Amino acid sequence: MSTQYPQHVQPQSSTFMDVLRIILAIILPPVGVLMQVGLGMHFWLNIVLTLCGYIPGLVHAVWVIAKK
């Protein structure tokens, strides 16, 4: 038997986590990507982009987080 929550509960929790991920992505872009997708291709790509420059890593991190 599953308990159903009101529709407004789920998006608020998800929104809070997305904001937290974006804040972490601003500080350290790979951390935000790691929280979003784990140790996958996007994480390693973000490491390379961040090493090439902070802005490319930041843009990629925000894109990965927003894409979800």
C-alpha atoms as a PDB file:
ATOM      1  CA  MET A   1       0.000   0.000   0.000  1.00  0.00           C
ATOM      2  CA  SER A   2       1.593   3.251  -1.089  1.00  0.00           C
ATOM      3  CA  THR A   3       0.938   6.653   0.381  1.00  0.00           C
ATOM      4  CA  GLN A   4       0.202   9.362  -2.141  1.00  0.00           C
ATOM      5  CA  TYR A   5       1.518  12.811  -1.407  1.00  0.00           C
ATOM      6  CA  PRO A   6       0.007  16.005  -2.779  1.00  0.00           C
ATOM      7  CA  GLN A   7       1.466  17.020  -6.128  1.00  0.00           C
ATOM      8  CA  HIS A   8       3.078  20.169  -4.746  1.00  0.00           C
ATOM      9  CA  VAL A   9       5.328  18.236  -2.322  1.00  0.00           C
ATOM     10  CA  GLN A  10       7.503  16.496  -4.937  1.00  0.00           C
ATOM     11  CA  PRO A  11       8.460  19.534  -7.078  1.00  0.00           C
ATOM     12  CA  GLN A  12       9.451  21.590  -4.020  1.00  0.00           C
ATOM     13  CA  SER A  13      11.868  18.905  -2.857  1.00  0.00           C
ATOM     14  CA  SER A  14      13.267  18.536  -6.347  1.00  0.00           C
ATOM     15  CA  THR A  15      13.568  22.304  -6.756  1.00  0.00           C
ATOM     16  CA  PHE A  16      15.478  22.639  -3.482  1.00  0.00           C
ATOM     17  CA  MET A  17      17.940  19.939  -4.537  1.00  0.00           C
ATOM     18  CA  ASP A  18      18.379  21.566  -7.957  1.00  0.00           C
ATOM     19  CA  VAL A  19      19.145  24.914  -6.310  1.00  0.00           C
ATOM     20  CA  LEU A  20      21.631  23.198  -3.993  1.00  0.00           C
ATOM     21  CA  ARG A  21      23.295  21.481  -6.966  1.00  0.00           C
ATOM     22  CA  ILE A  22      23.538  24.769  -8.869  1.00  0.00           C
ATOM     23  CA  ILE A  23      25.076  26.527  -5.850  1.00  0.00           C
ATOM     24  CA  LEU A  24      27.630  23.731  -5.547  1.00  0.00           C
ATOM     25  CA  ALA A  25      28.223  23.896  -9.310  1.00  0.00           C
ATOM     26  CA  ILE A  26      29.014  27.611  -8.999  1.00  0.00           C
ATOM     27  CA  ILE A  27      31.574  26.892  -6.288  1.00  0.00           C
ATOM     28  CA  LEU A  28      33.011  23.713  -7.876  1.00  0.00           C
ATOM     29  CA  PRO A  29      31.341  22.636 -11.136  1.00  0.00           C
ATOM     30  CA  PRO A  30      32.298  18.924 -10.989  1.00  0.00           C
ATOM     31  CA  VAL A  31      30.650  18.545  -7.576  1.00  0.00           C
ATOM     32  CA  GLY A  32      27.279  19.678  -8.937  1.00  0.00           C
ATOM     33  CA  VAL A  33      27.579  17.280 -11.872  1.00  0.00           C
ATOM     34  CA  LEU A  34      28.660  14.449  -9.566  1.00  0.00           C
ATOM     35  CA  MET A  35      25.558  14.963  -7.431  1.00  0.00           C
ATOM     36  CA  GLN A  36      23.352  14.971 -10.527  1.00  0.00           C
ATOM     37  CA  VAL A  37      24.696  12.085 -12.623  1.00  0.00           C
ATOM     38  CA  GLY A  38      27.337  10.270 -10.576  1.00  0.00           C
ATOM     39  CA  LEU A  39      30.686   9.114 -11.937  1.00  0.00           C
ATOM     40  CA  GLY A  40      29.578   8.973 -15.549  1.00  0.00           C
ATOM     41  CA  MET A  41      30.778  10.514 -18.779  1.00  0.00           C
ATOM     42  CA  HIS A  42      29.338  13.948 -17.923  1.00  0.00           C
ATOM     43  CA  PHE A  43      31.349  14.070 -14.697  1.00  0.00           C
ATOM     44  CA  TRP A  44      34.656  13.357 -16.445  1.00  0.00           C
ATOM     45  CA  LEU A  45      33.812  15.743 -19.269  1.00  0.00           C
ATOM     46  CA  ASN A  46      33.105  18.424 -16.692  1.00  0.00           C
ATOM     47  CA  ILE A  47      36.473  17.818 -15.028  1.00  0.00           C
ATOM     48  CA  VAL A  48      38.213  18.349 -18.392  1.00  0.00           C
ATOM     49  CA  LEU A  49      36.139  21.457 -19.159  1.00  0.00           C
ATOM     50  CA  THR A  50      36.824  22.904 -15.713  1.00  0.00           C
ATOM     51  CA  LEU A  51      40.554  22.313 -16.147  1.00  0.00           C
ATOM     52  CA  CYS A  52      40.368  24.143 -19.490  1.00  0.00           C
ATOM     53  CA  GLY A  53      38.630  27.045 -17.806  1.00  0.00           C
ATOM     54  CA  TYR A  54      36.178  27.732 -15.032  1.00  0.00           C
ATOM     55  CA  ILE A  55      33.446  29.154 -17.308  1.00  0.00           C
ATOM     56  CA  PRO A  56      33.166  26.125 -19.660  1.00  0.00           C
ATOM     57  CA  GLY A  57      32.932  23.807 -16.646  1.00  0.00           C
ATOM     58  CA  LEU A  58      30.315  26.027 -15.034  1.00  0.00           C
ATOM     59  CA  VAL A  59      28.189  26.250 -18.184  1.00  0.00           C
ATOM     60  CA  HIS A  60      28.324  22.481 -18.656  1.00  0.00           C
ATOM     61  CA  ALA A  61      27.442  21.841 -14.997  1.00  0.00           C
ATOM     62  CA  VAL A  62      24.410  24.143 -15.102  1.00  0.00           C
ATOM     63  CA  TRP A  63      23.327  22.574 -18.405  1.00  0.00           C
ATOM     64  CA  VAL A  64      23.540  19.040 -16.974  1.00  0.00           C
ATOM     65  CA  ILE A  65      21.586  20.045 -13.870  1.00  0.00           C
ATOM     66  CA  ALA A  66      18.934  21.975 -15.805  1.00  0.00           C
ATOM     67  CA  LYS A  67      18.552  19.212 -18.406  1.00  0.00           C
ATOM     68  CA  LYS A  68      17.159  16.858 -15.785  1.00  0.00           C
END
